[in-house]
C-alpha atoms as a PDB file:
ATOM      1  CA  UNK A   1     -33.606  31.624 -10.603  1.00  0.00           C
ATOM      2  CA  UNK A   2     -32.039  33.262  -7.576  1.00  0.00           C
ATOM      3  CA  UNK A   3     -33.358  36.249  -5.720  1.00  0.00           C
ATOM      4  CA  UNK A   4     -33.590  37.975  -2.394  1.00  0.00           C
ATOM      5  CA  UNK A   5     -35.756  36.735   0.452  1.00  0.00           C
ATOM      6  CA  UNK A   6     -39.081  38.492   0.658  1.00  0.00           C
ATOM      7  CA  UNK A   7     -39.193  40.511   3.872  1.00  0.00           C
ATOM      8  CA  UNK A   8     -42.640  41.487   5.096  1.00  0.00           C
ATOM      9  CA  UNK A   9     -43.301  45.176   5.685  1.00  0.00           C
ATOM     10  CA  UNK A  10     -44.117  44.364   9.297  1.00  0.00           C
ATOM     11  CA  UNK A  11     -40.481  43.287   9.848  1.00  0.00           C
ATOM     12  CA  UNK A  12     -41.323  39.705  10.769  1.00  0.00           C
ATOM     13  CA  UNK A  13     -39.192  36.726   9.831  1.00  0.00           C
ATOM     14  CA  UNK A  14     -41.165  34.716   7.302  1.00  0.00           C
ATOM     15  CA  UNK A  15     -41.093  30.950   7.694  1.00  0.00           C
ATOM     16  CA  UNK A  16     -42.188  27.863   5.772  1.00  0.00           C
ATOM     17  CA  UNK A  17     -42.605  24.607   7.705  1.00  0.00           C
ATOM     18  CA  UNK A  18     -42.230  21.282   5.930  1.00  0.00           C
ATOM     19  CA  UNK A  19     -43.370  18.097   7.686  1.00  0.00           C
ATOM     20  CA  UNK A  20     -45.845  15.286   7.149  1.00  0.00           C
ATOM     21  CA  UNK A  21     -46.158  14.727  10.899  1.00  0.00           C
ATOM     22  CA  UNK A  22     -49.358  16.441  12.101  1.00  0.00           C
ATOM     23  CA  UNK A  23     -48.282  16.298  15.753  1.00  0.00           C
ATOM     24  CA  UNK A  24     -44.909  17.911  14.906  1.00  0.00           C
ATOM     25  CA  UNK A  25     -46.679  20.670  12.923  1.00  0.00           C
ATOM     26  CA  UNK A  26     -49.106  21.395  15.749  1.00  0.00           C
ATOM     27  CA  UNK A  27     -46.290  21.513  18.299  1.00  0.00           C
ATOM     28  CA  UNK A  28     -44.003  23.705  16.208  1.00  0.00           C
ATOM     29  CA  UNK A  29     -46.897  26.090  15.479  1.00  0.00           C
ATOM     30  CA  UNK A  30     -47.567  26.418  19.226  1.00  0.00           C
ATOM     31  CA  UNK A  31     -43.892  27.114  19.924  1.00  0.00           C
ATOM     32  CA  UNK A  32     -43.499  29.647  17.108  1.00  0.00           C
ATOM     33  CA  UNK A  33     -46.599  31.581  18.232  1.00  0.00           C
ATOM     34  CA  UNK A  34     -44.595  32.520  21.345  1.00  0.00           C
ATOM     35  CA  UNK A  35     -42.323  34.729  19.220  1.00  0.00           C
ATOM     36  CA  UNK A  36     -44.305  37.595  17.665  1.00  0.00           C
ATOM     37  CA  UNK A  37     -41.445  38.364  15.267  1.00  0.00           C
ATOM     38  CA  UNK A  38     -41.986  35.070  13.369  1.00  0.00           C
ATOM     39  CA  UNK A  39     -44.700  34.697  10.748  1.00  0.00           C
ATOM     40  CA  UNK A  40     -45.532  31.241   9.390  1.00  0.00           C
ATOM     41  CA  UNK A  41     -46.326  31.845   5.721  1.00  0.00           C
ATOM     42  CA  UNK A  42     -46.914  28.222   4.777  1.00  0.00           C
ATOM     43  CA  UNK A  43     -46.989  24.582   5.772  1.00  0.00           C
ATOM     44  CA  UNK A  44     -46.354  21.675   3.430  1.00  0.00           C
ATOM     45  CA  UNK A  45     -46.106  17.909   3.753  1.00  0.00           C
ATOM     46  CA  UNK A  46     -43.844  16.939   0.834  1.00  0.00           C
ATOM     47  CA  UNK A  47     -40.365  18.028  -0.270  1.00  0.00           C
ATOM     48  CA  UNK A  48     -41.579  18.772  -3.804  1.00  0.00           C
ATOM     49  CA  UNK A  49     -44.238  21.091  -2.325  1.00  0.00           C
ATOM     50  CA  UNK A  50     -41.569  22.693  -0.143  1.00  0.00           C
ATOM     51  CA  UNK A  51     -39.581  23.754  -3.195  1.00  0.00           C
ATOM     52  CA  UNK A  52     -42.682  25.036  -5.041  1.00  0.00           C
ATOM     53  CA  UNK A  53     -43.939  26.979  -2.020  1.00  0.00           C
ATOM     54  CA  UNK A  54     -40.502  28.405  -1.244  1.00  0.00           C
ATOM     55  CA  UNK A  55     -40.382  29.814  -4.789  1.00  0.00           C
ATOM     56  CA  UNK A  56     -43.910  31.188  -4.518  1.00  0.00           C
ATOM     57  CA  UNK A  57     -43.828  32.501  -0.913  1.00  0.00           C
ATOM     58  CA  UNK A  58     -40.139  33.482  -0.702  1.00  0.00           C
ATOM     59  CA  UNK A  59     -39.745  32.798   3.045  1.00  0.00           C
ATOM     60  CA  UNK A  60     -36.587  33.797   4.858  1.00  0.00           C
ATOM     61  CA  UNK A  61     -36.475  30.501   6.766  1.00  0.00           C
ATOM     62  CA  UNK A  62     -37.531  26.922   5.962  1.00  0.00           C
ATOM     63  CA  UNK A  63     -37.810  24.294   8.689  1.00  0.00           C
ATOM     64  CA  UNK A  64     -37.365  20.853   7.096  1.00  0.00           C
ATOM     65  CA  UNK A  65     -38.443  17.714   8.875  1.00  0.00           C
ATOM     66  CA  UNK A  66     -36.000  14.993   7.812  1.00  0.00           C
ATOM     67  CA  UNK A  67     -38.708  12.320   7.704  1.00  0.00           C
ATOM     68  CA  UNK A  68     -40.012  13.592   4.362  1.00  0.00           C
ATOM     69  CA  UNK A  69     -39.136  11.035   1.708  1.00  0.00           C
ATOM     70  CA  UNK A  70     -40.839  11.951  -1.567  1.00  0.00           C
ATOM     71  CA  UNK A  71     -37.485  13.292  -2.845  1.00  0.00           C
ATOM     72  CA  UNK A  72     -33.910  12.995  -1.647  1.00  0.00           C
ATOM     73  CA  UNK A  73     -33.708  15.506   1.177  1.00  0.00           C
ATOM     74  CA  UNK A  74     -30.177  16.469   0.096  1.00  0.00           C
ATOM     75  CA  UNK A  75     -31.423  17.167  -3.445  1.00  0.00           C
ATOM     76  CA  UNK A  76     -34.318  19.208  -2.066  1.00  0.00           C
ATOM     77  CA  UNK A  77     -31.935  21.287   0.071  1.00  0.00           C
ATOM     78  CA  UNK A  78     -29.679  21.944  -2.917  1.00  0.00           C
ATOM     79  CA  UNK A  79     -32.668  22.975  -5.042  1.00  0.00           C
ATOM     80  CA  UNK A  80     -33.926  25.325  -2.327  1.00  0.00           C
ATOM     81  CA  UNK A  81     -30.516  27.003  -2.091  1.00  0.00           C
ATOM     82  CA  UNK A  82     -30.272  27.207  -5.885  1.00  0.00           C
ATOM     83  CA  UNK A  83     -33.609  28.999  -6.186  1.00  0.00           C
ATOM     84  CA  UNK A  84     -33.028  31.264  -3.202  1.00  0.00           C
ATOM     85  CA  UNK A  85     -29.418  31.527  -2.005  1.00  0.00           C
ATOM     86  CA  UNK A  86     -30.228  33.703   1.023  1.00  0.00           C
ATOM     87  CA  UNK A  87     -32.736  31.289   2.538  1.00  0.00           C
ATOM     88  CA  UNK A  88     -31.932  29.848   5.968  1.00  0.00           C
ATOM     89  CA  UNK A  89     -32.662  26.141   6.089  1.00  0.00           C
ATOM     90  CA  UNK A  90     -33.139  24.521   9.467  1.00  0.00           C
ATOM     91  CA  UNK A  91     -33.282  20.723   9.447  1.00  0.00           C
ATOM     92  CA  UNK A  92     -34.523  18.372  12.122  1.00  0.00           C
ATOM     93  CA  UNK A  93     -34.955  14.603  12.369  1.00  0.00           C
ATOM     94  CA  UNK A  94     -31.890  13.810  10.287  1.00  0.00           C
ATOM     95  CA  UNK A  95     -29.094  11.512  11.341  1.00  0.00           C
ATOM     96  CA  UNK A  96     -27.087  13.066  14.170  1.00  0.00           C
ATOM     97  CA  UNK A  97     -23.755  11.572  13.159  1.00  0.00           C
ATOM     98  CA  UNK A  98     -21.164  14.187  12.294  1.00  0.00           C
ATOM     99  CA  UNK A  99     -20.412  12.873   8.745  1.00  0.00           C
ATOM    100  CA  UNK A 100     -24.130  12.870   7.984  1.00  0.00           C
ATOM    101  CA  UNK A 101     -24.769  16.385   9.276  1.00  0.00           C
ATOM    102  CA  UNK A 102     -21.703  17.655   7.422  1.00  0.00           C
ATOM    103  CA  UNK A 103     -23.284  16.401   4.159  1.00  0.00           C
ATOM    104  CA  UNK A 104     -26.391  18.400   5.011  1.00  0.00           C
ATOM    105  CA  UNK A 105     -24.304  21.495   5.783  1.00  0.00           C
ATOM    106  CA  UNK A 106     -22.503  21.181   2.445  1.00  0.00           C
ATOM    107  CA  UNK A 107     -25.867  20.859   0.676  1.00  0.00           C
ATOM    108  CA  UNK A 108     -27.034  24.127   2.253  1.00  0.00           C
ATOM    109  CA  UNK A 109     -28.541  23.511   5.702  1.00  0.00           C
ATOM    110  CA  UNK A 110     -27.860  26.530   7.902  1.00  0.00           C
ATOM    111  CA  UNK A 111     -28.507  24.812  11.230  1.00  0.00           C
ATOM    112  CA  UNK A 112     -29.308  21.306  12.402  1.00  0.00           C
ATOM    113  CA  UNK A 113     -32.037  21.415  15.050  1.00  0.00           C
ATOM    114  CA  UNK A 114     -31.483  18.514  17.461  1.00  0.00           C
ATOM    115  CA  UNK A 115     -34.483  16.914  19.180  1.00  0.00           C
ATOM    116  CA  UNK A 116     -33.534  18.346  22.597  1.00  0.00           C
ATOM    117  CA  UNK A 117     -33.675  21.960  21.333  1.00  0.00           C
ATOM    118  CA  UNK A 118     -35.596  24.288  23.641  1.00  0.00           C
ATOM    119  CA  UNK A 119     -37.959  26.939  22.200  1.00  0.00           C
ATOM    120  CA  UNK A 120     -35.636  29.854  23.057  1.00  0.00           C
ATOM    121  CA  UNK A 121     -32.774  28.085  21.234  1.00  0.00           C
ATOM    122  CA  UNK A 122     -35.012  27.539  18.199  1.00  0.00           C
ATOM    123  CA  UNK A 123     -35.862  31.250  18.121  1.00  0.00           C
ATOM    124  CA  UNK A 124     -32.158  32.093  18.078  1.00  0.00           C
ATOM    125  CA  UNK A 125     -31.568  29.600  15.265  1.00  0.00           C
ATOM    126  CA  UNK A 126     -34.423  31.072  13.226  1.00  0.00           C
ATOM    127  CA  UNK A 127     -33.149  34.614  13.684  1.00  0.00           C
ATOM    128  CA  UNK A 128     -29.575  33.524  12.998  1.00  0.00           C
ATOM    129  CA  UNK A 129     -28.264  35.245  16.102  1.00  0.00           C
ATOM    130  CA  UNK A 130     -26.948  32.353  18.193  1.00  0.00           C
ATOM    131  CA  UNK A 131     -23.151  32.683  18.021  1.00  0.00           C
ATOM    132  CA  UNK A 132     -22.577  29.229  19.522  1.00  0.00           C
ATOM    133  CA  UNK A 133     -24.635  27.575  16.775  1.00  0.00           C
ATOM    134  CA  UNK A 134     -23.027  29.688  14.029  1.00  0.00           C
ATOM    135  CA  UNK A 135     -19.483  28.941  15.170  1.00  0.00           C
ATOM    136  CA  UNK A 136     -19.760  25.197  14.706  1.00  0.00           C
ATOM    137  CA  UNK A 137     -21.094  23.335  11.692  1.00  0.00           C
ATOM    138  CA  UNK A 138     -23.001  20.810  13.796  1.00  0.00           C
ATOM    139  CA  UNK A 139     -25.118  21.647  16.817  1.00  0.00           C
ATOM    140  CA  UNK A 140     -23.905  18.518  18.603  1.00  0.00           C
ATOM    141  CA  UNK A 141     -20.325  19.702  18.146  1.00  0.00           C
ATOM    142  CA  UNK A 142     -21.268  23.030  19.711  1.00  0.00           C
ATOM    143  CA  UNK A 143     -22.579  21.383  22.848  1.00  0.00           C
ATOM    144  CA  UNK A 144     -19.569  19.048  23.033  1.00  0.00           C
ATOM    145  CA  UNK A 145     -17.144  21.977  22.624  1.00  0.00           C
ATOM    146  CA  UNK A 146     -18.868  23.934  25.361  1.00  0.00           C
ATOM    147  CA  UNK A 147     -18.755  21.032  27.808  1.00  0.00           C
ATOM    148  CA  UNK A 148     -15.392  19.657  26.678  1.00  0.00           C
ATOM    149  CA  UNK A 149     -12.795  19.031  29.367  1.00  0.00           C
ATOM    150  CA  UNK A 150      -9.378  17.703  28.532  1.00  0.00           C
ATOM    151  CA  UNK A 151      -8.826  14.322  30.073  1.00  0.00           C
ATOM    152  CA  UNK A 152      -5.183  13.430  30.667  1.00  0.00           C
ATOM    153  CA  UNK A 153      -3.860  10.466  28.712  1.00  0.00           C
ATOM    154  CA  UNK A 154      -3.102   7.307  30.605  1.00  0.00           C
ATOM    155  CA  UNK A 155       0.109   7.741  32.581  1.00  0.00           C
ATOM    156  CA  UNK A 156      -0.120  11.566  32.495  1.00  0.00           C
ATOM    157  CA  UNK A 157      -1.086  13.483  35.593  1.00  0.00           C
ATOM    158  CA  UNK A 158      -3.433  16.438  35.627  1.00  0.00           C
ATOM    159  CA  UNK A 159      -1.931  19.648  37.053  1.00  0.00           C
ATOM    160  CA  UNK A 160      -3.779  21.680  39.617  1.00  0.00           C
ATOM    161  CA  UNK A 161      -4.277  25.379  38.877  1.00  0.00           C
ATOM    162  CA  UNK A 162      -1.444  26.459  41.195  1.00  0.00           C
ATOM    163  CA  UNK A 163       0.969  24.087  39.429  1.00  0.00           C
ATOM    164  CA  UNK A 164      -0.082  25.378  35.990  1.00  0.00           C
ATOM    165  CA  UNK A 165       0.748  28.959  36.981  1.00  0.00           C
ATOM    166  CA  UNK A 166       4.319  27.993  37.743  1.00  0.00           C
ATOM    167  CA  UNK A 167       4.869  26.050  34.499  1.00  0.00           C
END
């Protein structure tokens, strides 16, 4: 049963939040209230509920807290994508290792939201407009790419800018 995301007439991005952590829910609600273009259409505390509510509410975005354990989170992500291909799934509190996050990407997660994410970065992730996050499959890779500096191998010397121009 696939279909298009339900877009509210008011033009807001509709969002379903899935977490059993009351403190996380309260904090994320406070952050999302700062962006008037985001409408929280539901909150759930189990993965099974997440799937049911996503079918019923048809949000454009689902924020999944990786600590939910009533189902396999990978299975839940696959089921969400199967019922609604266009849905953006943001996941947080999952393992930050690259092989692990790649499994989540293959299952259907649009963006991994690392714990150090600032509110303005989260808004960009929700709206799908952050080119840095879209370019790389893993948010940690994006930050490493941005800050990456080549380090010369042992025994190799690093050339100064003037020397590079002449090479």
